[in-house]
């Protein structure tokens, strides 16, 4: 799987041949076929591998969590996607290559959607710890924005359009804005009759054609 991830990160997916991961890993092509059946099996298992590896390196240095609030936990989890370590760069590049190839590969699209949904769920859980009064659908939408932004910033950083420090700075700012937006949300107030209706009628009576 490490060999397959390296090949995909360097050469992409669309022209991938079964022989290439075998050569990279120093094993026979027959062994690759035995374990993964075909090219689709290689791609599916590589996607699982890089997802699991991302889980490891985004939680590896957590240590004791008592000194961190929910905002810090969310920030740390997403910022660990921006590291200049070889496996992190390789993971991000391979993920981008797999996502680009999914445009032309419906089967791969399904697998990517599943992996992406797990990531969104994890980020939504962190957002929920920071904003416990926010309903689940709103948290999920926020997590979708956060993960999409993480992917986009990562792609720009890997292509040289952003420095590592600037990508992290943008990510921190986006997290703060998103949390501020979520914390300002309030459940809709129930409609109150009686005295509260009088000011509403008074305001609307100034302009019968406009409802305030």
Protein backbone atom coordinates (compact mmCIF):
# COMPACT_ATOMS: atom_id res chain seq x y z
CA UNK A 1 0.00 0.00 0.00
CA UNK A 2 2.88 2.38 0.69
CA UNK A 3 4.27 1.56 -2.75
CA UNK A 4 0.90 2.13 -4.41
CA UNK A 5 0.47 5.45 -2.61
CA UNK A 6 3.90 6.60 -3.79
CA UNK A 7 3.18 5.61 -7.40
CA UNK A 8 -0.20 7.36 -7.41
CA UNK A 9 1.26 10.50 -5.81
CA UNK A 10 4.01 10.66 -8.46
CA UNK A 11 2.21 9.51 -11.60
CA UNK A 12 -1.52 9.81 -10.98
CA UNK A 13 -4.21 7.18 -11.39
CA UNK A 14 -5.48 7.09 -14.94
CA UNK A 15 -2.38 5.47 -16.41
CA UNK A 16 -1.67 3.24 -13.42
CA UNK A 17 -0.66 -0.34 -14.26
CA UNK A 18 -0.66 -3.20 -11.76
CA UNK A 19 3.04 -3.75 -12.40
CA UNK A 20 4.01 -0.32 -11.07
CA UNK A 21 3.07 -0.82 -7.39
CA UNK A 22 4.69 -4.26 -7.55
CA UNK A 23 7.99 -2.77 -8.73
CA UNK A 24 7.78 0.05 -6.18
CA UNK A 25 7.17 -2.44 -3.34
CA UNK A 26 9.74 -4.95 -4.60
CA UNK A 27 7.24 -7.81 -4.93
CA UNK A 28 5.93 -9.88 -7.83
CA UNK A 29 2.97 -8.80 -9.93
CA UNK A 30 1.38 -12.16 -9.14
CA UNK A 31 1.40 -11.28 -5.45
CA UNK A 32 -0.40 -8.01 -6.19
CA UNK A 33 -3.08 -9.85 -8.14
CA UNK A 34 -3.39 -12.43 -5.36
CA UNK A 35 -4.10 -9.83 -2.68
CA UNK A 36 -5.95 -7.13 -4.62
CA UNK A 37 -7.41 -8.98 -7.64
CA UNK A 38 -7.17 -6.11 -10.10
CA UNK A 39 -6.45 -2.42 -10.61
CA UNK A 40 -9.76 -1.40 -9.03
CA UNK A 41 -8.84 -3.39 -5.93
CA UNK A 42 -5.50 -1.61 -5.71
CA UNK A 43 -7.18 1.79 -5.89
CA UNK A 44 -9.82 0.88 -3.33
CA UNK A 45 -7.28 -0.44 -0.83
CA UNK A 46 -4.91 2.48 -1.43
CA UNK A 47 -7.72 4.89 -0.65
CA UNK A 48 -8.39 3.03 2.60
CA UNK A 49 -4.67 3.06 3.38
CA UNK A 50 -4.20 6.81 2.94
CA UNK A 51 -7.40 7.51 4.91
CA UNK A 52 -6.15 5.37 7.81
CA UNK A 53 -2.70 6.95 7.63
CA UNK A 54 -4.26 10.42 7.77
CA UNK A 55 -6.17 9.38 10.88
CA UNK A 56 -2.89 8.35 12.47
CA UNK A 57 -0.88 11.47 11.73
CA UNK A 58 -3.71 13.86 12.63
CA UNK A 59 -4.04 12.29 16.08
CA UNK A 60 -0.51 10.99 16.75
CA UNK A 61 0.68 13.96 18.81
CA UNK A 62 -2.50 14.60 20.74
CA UNK A 63 -1.13 13.58 24.13
CA UNK A 64 -3.20 14.66 27.14
CA UNK A 65 -6.28 16.56 26.01
CA UNK A 66 -7.16 18.19 29.32
CA UNK A 67 -5.44 21.46 28.46
CA UNK A 68 -7.22 21.96 25.13
CA UNK A 69 -10.66 23.41 24.56
CA UNK A 70 -12.94 22.31 21.72
CA UNK A 71 -11.77 25.12 19.42
CA UNK A 72 -8.15 24.08 19.90
CA UNK A 73 -8.94 20.43 19.28
CA UNK A 74 -10.66 21.28 15.99
CA UNK A 75 -7.83 23.58 14.94
CA UNK A 76 -5.15 21.04 15.77
CA UNK A 77 -6.92 18.24 13.89
CA UNK A 78 -7.22 20.26 10.67
CA UNK A 79 -3.83 21.95 10.87
CA UNK A 80 -2.11 18.56 11.10
CA UNK A 81 -3.17 18.10 7.47
CA UNK A 82 -0.58 20.81 6.70
CA UNK A 83 2.84 19.36 7.47
CA UNK A 84 6.04 19.13 5.49
CA UNK A 85 6.52 15.47 6.35
CA UNK A 86 6.97 13.10 3.38
CA UNK A 87 4.01 10.88 4.28
CA UNK A 88 1.69 13.88 4.70
CA UNK A 89 2.70 15.39 1.37
CA UNK A 90 2.38 11.98 -0.29
CA UNK A 91 -1.02 11.37 1.29
CA UNK A 92 -2.38 14.75 0.22
CA UNK A 93 -1.04 14.35 -3.30
CA UNK A 94 -2.41 10.82 -3.68
CA UNK A 95 -5.80 11.95 -2.35
CA UNK A 96 -5.89 14.75 -4.91
CA UNK A 97 -4.99 12.37 -7.73
CA UNK A 98 -7.68 9.90 -6.69
CA UNK A 99 -10.27 12.68 -6.48
CA UNK A 100 -9.35 14.00 -9.92
CA UNK A 101 -9.61 10.52 -11.44
CA UNK A 102 -13.01 9.96 -9.82
CA UNK A 103 -14.44 12.41 -12.38
CA UNK A 104 -14.01 9.65 -14.95
CA UNK A 105 -14.43 6.60 -12.69
CA UNK A 106 -17.87 6.11 -11.08
CA UNK A 107 -16.68 3.21 -8.92
CA UNK A 108 -13.83 5.24 -7.49
CA UNK A 109 -16.26 8.14 -7.01
CA UNK A 110 -18.37 5.99 -4.68
CA UNK A 111 -15.36 4.96 -2.60
CA UNK A 112 -14.15 8.55 -2.32
CA UNK A 113 -17.59 9.75 -1.29
CA UNK A 114 -17.63 7.16 1.49
CA UNK A 115 -14.18 8.17 2.75
CA UNK A 116 -15.08 11.84 2.54
CA UNK A 117 -18.27 11.26 4.52
CA UNK A 118 -16.29 9.70 7.36
CA UNK A 119 -14.01 12.74 7.46
CA UNK A 120 -16.99 15.12 7.44
CA UNK A 121 -18.57 13.15 10.30
CA UNK A 122 -15.37 13.39 12.38
CA UNK A 123 -15.07 17.16 11.83
CA UNK A 124 -18.78 17.65 12.58
CA UNK A 125 -18.27 15.86 15.90
CA UNK A 126 -15.47 18.29 16.81
CA UNK A 127 -17.65 21.23 15.78
CA UNK A 128 -20.43 19.83 17.94
CA UNK A 129 -18.14 19.83 20.97
CA UNK A 130 -17.35 23.49 20.33
CA UNK A 131 -20.98 24.44 19.59
CA UNK A 132 -23.20 21.95 21.45
CA UNK A 133 -26.47 23.84 20.85
CA UNK A 134 -26.19 23.74 17.05
CA UNK A 135 -28.35 21.14 15.24
CA UNK A 136 -26.65 18.23 13.49
CA UNK A 137 -27.52 19.25 9.88
CA UNK A 138 -25.91 22.65 10.43
CA UNK A 139 -22.80 21.04 11.90
CA UNK A 140 -22.58 18.70 8.92
CA UNK A 141 -22.81 21.59 6.45
CA UNK A 142 -20.09 23.42 8.37
CA UNK A 143 -17.89 20.31 8.35
CA UNK A 144 -18.36 19.99 4.59
CA UNK A 145 -17.12 23.56 4.16
CA UNK A 146 -14.16 22.95 6.46
CA UNK A 147 -13.02 19.73 4.78
CA UNK A 148 -13.47 21.19 1.29
CA UNK A 149 -11.37 24.21 2.29
CA UNK A 150 -8.72 21.93 3.77
CA UNK A 151 -8.47 20.03 0.50
CA UNK A 152 -8.28 23.22 -1.54
CA UNK A 153 -5.62 24.85 0.62
CA UNK A 154 -3.63 21.63 0.65
CA UNK A 155 -3.70 21.41 -3.15
CA UNK A 156 -2.54 25.02 -3.48
CA UNK A 157 0.22 24.49 -0.97
CA UNK A 158 1.48 21.35 -2.72
CA UNK A 159 1.49 23.15 -6.07
CA UNK A 160 3.56 25.99 -4.63
CA UNK A 161 0.80 28.60 -4.77
CA UNK A 162 0.79 28.94 -0.96
CA UNK A 163 3.50 28.60 1.64
CA UNK A 164 2.95 26.21 4.52
CA UNK A 165 2.70 29.07 7.03
CA UNK A 166 0.21 31.01 4.91
CA UNK A 167 -1.96 27.92 4.37
CA UNK A 168 -2.06 27.36 8.12
CA UNK A 169 -2.85 31.03 8.74
CA UNK A 170 -5.78 30.88 6.30
CA UNK A 171 -7.02 27.67 7.90
CA UNK A 172 -6.93 29.15 11.40
CA UNK A 173 -8.85 32.22 10.24
CA UNK A 174 -11.48 30.09 8.50
CA UNK A 175 -11.99 27.97 11.61
CA UNK A 176 -12.48 31.07 13.75
CA UNK A 177 -14.99 32.53 11.29
CA UNK A 178 -16.91 29.25 11.06
CA UNK A 179 -17.12 28.84 14.83
CA UNK A 180 -18.18 32.47 15.27
CA UNK A 181 -20.93 31.91 12.71
CA UNK A 182 -22.15 28.74 14.43
CA UNK A 183 -22.11 30.26 17.92
CA UNK A 184 -24.23 33.20 16.77
CA UNK A 185 -26.98 30.92 15.58
CA UNK A 186 -30.02 30.81 17.80
CA UNK A 187 -33.03 28.51 17.66
CA UNK A 188 -36.01 30.25 16.06
CA UNK A 189 -38.14 32.10 18.58
CA UNK A 190 -41.72 30.85 18.94
CA UNK A 191 -44.35 33.25 17.61
CA UNK A 192 -45.61 35.39 20.47
CA UNK A 193 -49.06 36.90 20.27
CA UNK A 194 -50.48 39.88 22.11
CA UNK A 195 -48.26 42.79 23.03
CA UNK A 196 -45.43 41.71 20.72
CA UNK A 197 -47.71 42.03 17.68
CA UNK A 198 -48.36 45.73 18.23
CA UNK A 199 -44.83 46.94 17.42
CA UNK A 200 -44.80 44.69 14.35
CA UNK A 201 -48.06 46.19 13.05
CA UNK A 202 -46.80 49.68 13.86
CA UNK A 203 -43.62 49.11 11.85
CA UNK A 204 -45.38 47.62 8.87
CA UNK A 205 -48.07 50.32 8.88
CA UNK A 206 -45.43 52.88 7.87
CA UNK A 207 -45.19 51.20 4.49
CA UNK A 208 -48.20 49.00 3.69
CA UNK A 209 -46.37 47.51 0.74
CA UNK A 210 -43.44 46.28 2.81
CA UNK A 211 -43.42 43.56 5.44
CA UNK A 212 -40.75 43.91 8.12
